[in-house]
Amino acid sequence: MYFTLKPFLVLLALGVSLGYFAYKAKILLGLMSSVAGGAFPKPDRVPERLKAFFLDVIWQRSVRRHKPLVGLAHTGIFWGFVIITLGT
């Protein structure tokens, strides 16, 4: 009986979670649109932002700046998780 009900329970859980997400997203979009400047500002300084993304997030430069050895270990752990995630 469990295997008969399992797909329906999963669909119910998925529907509830997607409904809750839509509800929270609507609230957040309403808050964003109520402030000055509108909900979706124009993207500016795209090359500068892309450079900062690749250097600080992908290359982990800001982590290694103040404590080089700890930052290097952090970078190794970060890239290990990225590789494991891509592998699965």
C-alpha atoms as a PDB file:
ATOM      1  CA  MET A   1       0.000   0.000   0.000  1.00  0.00           C
ATOM      2  CA  TYR A   2       2.880   2.349   0.778  1.00  0.00           C
ATOM      3  CA  PHE A   3       4.295   2.040  -2.738  1.00  0.00           C
ATOM      4  CA  THR A   4       0.876   2.846  -4.158  1.00  0.00           C
ATOM      5  CA  LEU A   5       0.524   6.004  -2.078  1.00  0.00           C
ATOM      6  CA  LYS A   6       4.134   7.148  -2.304  1.00  0.00           C
ATOM      7  CA  PRO A   7       3.885   8.941  -5.697  1.00  0.00           C
ATOM      8  CA  PHE A   8       0.787  10.807  -4.553  1.00  0.00           C
ATOM      9  CA  LEU A   9       2.424  11.826  -1.284  1.00  0.00           C
ATOM     10  CA  VAL A  10       5.473  13.082  -3.171  1.00  0.00           C
ATOM     11  CA  LEU A  11       3.255  15.074  -5.554  1.00  0.00           C
ATOM     12  CA  LEU A  12       1.351  16.512  -2.608  1.00  0.00           C
ATOM     13  CA  ALA A  13       4.593  17.540  -0.868  1.00  0.00           C
ATOM     14  CA  LEU A  14       5.911  19.016  -4.110  1.00  0.00           C
ATOM     15  CA  GLY A  15       2.698  20.962  -4.680  1.00  0.00           C
ATOM     16  CA  VAL A  16       2.684  22.332  -1.137  1.00  0.00           C
ATOM     17  CA  SER A  17       6.336  23.361  -1.329  1.00  0.00           C
ATOM     18  CA  LEU A  18       5.920  25.033  -4.740  1.00  0.00           C
ATOM     19  CA  GLY A  19       2.808  26.833  -3.497  1.00  0.00           C
ATOM     20  CA  TYR A  20       4.654  28.104  -0.445  1.00  0.00           C
ATOM     21  CA  PHE A  21       7.555  29.227  -2.634  1.00  0.00           C
ATOM     22  CA  ALA A  22       5.180  31.109  -4.960  1.00  0.00           C
ATOM     23  CA  TYR A  23       3.513  32.759  -1.959  1.00  0.00           C
ATOM     24  CA  LYS A  24       6.845  33.924  -0.492  1.00  0.00           C
ATOM     25  CA  ALA A  25       8.139  35.045  -3.908  1.00  0.00           C
ATOM     26  CA  LYS A  26       5.002  37.159  -4.410  1.00  0.00           C
ATOM     27  CA  ILE A  27       5.556  38.822  -1.033  1.00  0.00           C
ATOM     28  CA  LEU A  28       9.225  39.510  -1.778  1.00  0.00           C
ATOM     29  CA  LEU A  29       8.487  40.885  -5.251  1.00  0.00           C
ATOM     30  CA  GLY A  30       5.855  43.147  -3.727  1.00  0.00           C
ATOM     31  CA  LEU A  31       8.378  44.445  -1.203  1.00  0.00           C
ATOM     32  CA  MET A  32      10.975  44.977  -3.909  1.00  0.00           C
ATOM     33  CA  SER A  33       8.575  46.914  -6.113  1.00  0.00           C
ATOM     34  CA  SER A  34       7.428  49.135  -3.238  1.00  0.00           C
ATOM     35  CA  VAL A  35      10.860  50.672  -2.668  1.00  0.00           C
ATOM     36  CA  ALA A  36      12.292  53.483  -4.755  1.00  0.00           C
ATOM     37  CA  GLY A  37      13.828  52.379  -8.018  1.00  0.00           C
ATOM     38  CA  GLY A  38      11.389  49.625  -8.904  1.00  0.00           C
ATOM     39  CA  ALA A  39      11.689  45.875  -8.593  1.00  0.00           C
ATOM     40  CA  PHE A  40      14.126  45.178 -11.388  1.00  0.00           C
ATOM     41  CA  PRO A  41      16.912  47.728 -11.838  1.00  0.00           C
ATOM     42  CA  LYS A  42      18.829  47.825 -15.092  1.00  0.00           C
ATOM     43  CA  PRO A  43      22.042  45.830 -14.942  1.00  0.00           C
ATOM     44  CA  ASP A  44      24.966  48.199 -15.038  1.00  0.00           C
ATOM     45  CA  ARG A  45      28.745  47.707 -14.864  1.00  0.00           C
ATOM     46  CA  VAL A  46      28.391  44.175 -16.236  1.00  0.00           C
ATOM     47  CA  PRO A  47      32.119  43.655 -17.041  1.00  0.00           C
ATOM     48  CA  GLU A  48      33.117  44.854 -13.567  1.00  0.00           C
ATOM     49  CA  ARG A  49      30.554  42.585 -11.911  1.00  0.00           C
ATOM     50  CA  LEU A  50      31.595  39.569 -13.974  1.00  0.00           C
ATOM     51  CA  LYS A  51      35.234  40.188 -13.098  1.00  0.00           C
ATOM     52  CA  ALA A  52      34.373  40.409  -9.389  1.00  0.00           C
ATOM     53  CA  PHE A  53      32.283  37.227  -9.632  1.00  0.00           C
ATOM     54  CA  PHE A  54      35.049  35.208 -11.248  1.00  0.00           C
ATOM     55  CA  LEU A  55      37.806  36.535  -8.988  1.00  0.00           C
ATOM     56  CA  ASP A  56      35.957  36.542  -5.661  1.00  0.00           C
ATOM     57  CA  VAL A  57      33.532  33.619  -6.029  1.00  0.00           C
ATOM     58  CA  ILE A  58      35.099  31.231  -8.512  1.00  0.00           C
ATOM     59  CA  TRP A  59      38.783  31.936  -7.807  1.00  0.00           C
ATOM     60  CA  GLN A  60      38.102  32.611  -4.066  1.00  0.00           C
ATOM     61  CA  ARG A  61      40.434  35.638  -4.019  1.00  0.00           C
ATOM     62  CA  SER A  62      38.733  37.457  -1.141  1.00  0.00           C
ATOM     63  CA  VAL A  63      38.939  34.374   1.097  1.00  0.00           C
ATOM     64  CA  ARG A  64      42.677  33.993   0.562  1.00  0.00           C
ATOM     65  CA  ARG A  65      43.449  37.695   0.955  1.00  0.00           C
ATOM     66  CA  HIS A  66      43.744  37.960   4.757  1.00  0.00           C
ATOM     67  CA  LYS A  67      44.714  34.441   5.817  1.00  0.00           C
ATOM     68  CA  PRO A  68      46.533  32.764   2.925  1.00  0.00           C
ATOM     69  CA  LEU A  69      46.849  29.250   4.369  1.00  0.00           C
ATOM     70  CA  VAL A  70      43.310  29.070   5.717  1.00  0.00           C
ATOM     71  CA  GLY A  71      42.054  30.615   2.494  1.00  0.00           C
ATOM     72  CA  LEU A  72      43.918  28.036   0.440  1.00  0.00           C
ATOM     73  CA  ALA A  73      42.336  25.236   2.485  1.00  0.00           C
ATOM     74  CA  HIS A  74      38.925  26.859   2.031  1.00  0.00           C
ATOM     75  CA  THR A  75      39.499  27.103  -1.725  1.00  0.00           C
ATOM     76  CA  GLY A  76      40.450  23.439  -1.866  1.00  0.00           C
ATOM     77  CA  ILE A  77      37.333  22.409   0.053  1.00  0.00           C
ATOM     78  CA  PHE A  78      35.161  24.654  -2.131  1.00  0.00           C
ATOM     79  CA  TRP A  79      36.526  23.193  -5.362  1.00  0.00           C
ATOM     80  CA  GLY A  80      36.293  19.684  -3.934  1.00  0.00           C
ATOM     81  CA  PHE A  81      32.571  20.189  -3.349  1.00  0.00           C
ATOM     82  CA  VAL A  82      32.167  21.676  -6.833  1.00  0.00           C
ATOM     83  CA  ILE A  83      33.866  18.669  -8.421  1.00  0.00           C
ATOM     84  CA  ILE A  84      31.890  16.185  -6.311  1.00  0.00           C
ATOM     85  CA  THR A  85      28.660  17.991  -7.160  1.00  0.00           C
ATOM     86  CA  LEU A  86      29.406  17.938 -10.872  1.00  0.00           C
ATOM     87  CA  GLY A  87      30.364  14.275 -10.624  1.00  0.00           C
ATOM     88  CA  THR A  88      27.038  13.290  -9.123  1.00  0.00           C
END
